[in-house]
Amino acid sequence: MKKPSSKIRDEIAKLQEQLKAAETREAERIGRIALKAGLGEIEIEEAVLQAAFEDLAKRFRGGQGVSNGGKKGNGEAGAGASTAAVTHGAAQGDTGEA
């Protein structure tokens, strides 16, 4: 038996609400972690920061090293991501030795 379209629309609306709530929880979690790490105090372009986050995501997914932030020919994003990765690595070394 097929569902009427109105029931399917209701289910879709409920799923969209669930998705929005899940994305909000995830964003708040990542935001709290980023603030604890001191990212709120750093003046950095959003595109460069996003590229650094993409590199971090790749690292934890087992991917390759630094990406260009998904933009071709934009050396600025790649350079910023490299700097962020180096800064992160240096901070890790400091805490490991202390």
Protein backbone atom coordinates (compact mmCIF):
# COMPACT_ATOMS: atom_id res chain seq x y z
CA MET A 1 0.00 0.00 0.00
CA LYS A 2 1.33 3.40 -0.98
CA LYS A 3 1.44 6.34 1.40
CA PRO A 4 -0.50 9.47 0.49
CA SER A 5 1.65 12.44 -0.49
CA SER A 6 0.45 14.45 2.53
CA LYS A 7 1.83 11.80 4.90
CA ILE A 8 5.15 11.76 3.05
CA ARG A 9 5.33 15.58 3.28
CA ASP A 10 4.71 15.36 7.03
CA GLU A 11 7.49 12.81 7.40
CA ILE A 12 9.85 14.99 5.36
CA ALA A 13 9.04 18.03 7.53
CA LYS A 14 9.76 16.04 10.70
CA LEU A 15 13.05 14.77 9.27
CA GLN A 16 14.04 18.32 8.27
CA GLU A 17 13.40 19.47 11.84
CA GLN A 18 15.48 16.58 13.18
CA LEU A 19 18.28 17.44 10.75
CA LYS A 20 18.25 21.10 11.75
CA ALA A 21 18.40 20.16 15.45
CA ALA A 22 21.27 17.73 14.84
CA GLU A 23 23.23 20.32 12.83
CA THR A 24 22.69 22.90 15.58
CA ARG A 25 23.99 20.48 18.24
CA GLU A 26 27.04 19.66 16.09
CA ALA A 27 27.76 23.32 15.37
CA GLU A 28 27.52 24.23 19.04
CA ARG A 29 29.85 21.38 19.98
CA ILE A 30 32.45 22.31 17.37
CA GLY A 31 32.11 25.99 18.30
CA ARG A 32 32.72 25.29 21.99
CA ILE A 33 35.79 23.23 21.17
CA ALA A 34 37.11 25.90 18.80
CA LEU A 35 36.68 28.60 21.45
CA LYS A 36 38.43 26.48 24.08
CA ALA A 37 41.31 26.04 21.62
CA GLY A 38 41.56 29.83 21.24
CA LEU A 39 40.25 30.12 17.67
CA GLY A 40 37.86 32.90 18.67
CA GLU A 41 40.80 35.21 19.31
CA ILE A 42 42.53 34.62 15.98
CA GLU A 43 41.84 37.01 13.11
CA ILE A 44 41.61 34.77 10.08
CA GLU A 45 39.52 34.80 6.92
CA GLU A 46 36.61 32.38 6.95
CA ALA A 47 37.77 30.65 3.77
CA VAL A 48 41.21 30.01 5.25
CA LEU A 49 39.71 28.70 8.48
CA GLN A 50 37.34 26.44 6.55
CA ALA A 51 40.27 25.04 4.56
CA ALA A 52 42.09 24.29 7.82
CA PHE A 53 39.00 22.52 9.18
CA GLU A 54 38.75 20.51 5.95
CA ASP A 55 42.37 19.43 6.37
CA LEU A 56 41.66 18.45 9.95
CA ALA A 57 38.64 16.43 8.88
CA LYS A 58 40.75 14.66 6.24
CA ARG A 59 43.37 13.87 8.86
CA PHE A 60 40.86 12.17 11.12
CA ARG A 61 39.22 10.35 8.21
CA GLY A 62 42.59 8.94 7.18
CA GLY A 63 42.97 11.12 4.09
CA GLN A 64 46.02 12.81 2.66
CA GLY A 65 47.74 15.94 4.01
CA VAL A 66 46.90 19.56 3.29
CA SER A 67 44.22 20.44 0.74
CA ASN A 68 43.69 23.66 -1.14
CA GLY A 69 40.32 24.21 0.52
CA GLY A 70 38.43 23.00 -2.52
CA LYS A 71 39.44 26.05 -4.56
CA LYS A 72 41.70 25.84 -7.59
CA GLY A 73 44.34 28.48 -8.05
CA ASN A 74 43.84 30.11 -4.65
CA GLY A 75 47.23 29.90 -2.98
CA GLU A 76 46.05 31.95 -0.03
CA ALA A 77 43.71 29.28 1.33
CA GLY A 78 46.31 26.56 0.97
CA ALA A 79 48.97 28.66 2.66
CA GLY A 80 46.66 29.50 5.53
CA ALA A 81 45.75 25.87 5.99
CA SER A 82 49.43 24.93 6.10
CA THR A 83 50.09 27.61 8.69
CA ALA A 84 47.16 26.40 10.79
CA ALA A 85 48.42 22.83 10.62
CA VAL A 86 51.94 23.86 11.62
CA THR A 87 50.64 26.01 14.46
CA HIS A 88 48.49 23.12 15.69
CA GLY A 89 51.44 20.73 15.52
CA ALA A 90 53.67 23.14 17.42
CA ALA A 91 51.05 23.53 20.12
CA GLN A 92 50.77 19.76 20.39
CA GLY A 93 54.52 19.45 20.83
CA ASP A 94 54.50 22.06 23.59
CA THR A 95 51.82 20.27 25.59
CA GLY A 96 53.45 16.88 25.10
CA GLU A 97 56.79 18.02 26.53
CA ALA A 98 55.42 20.01 29.48
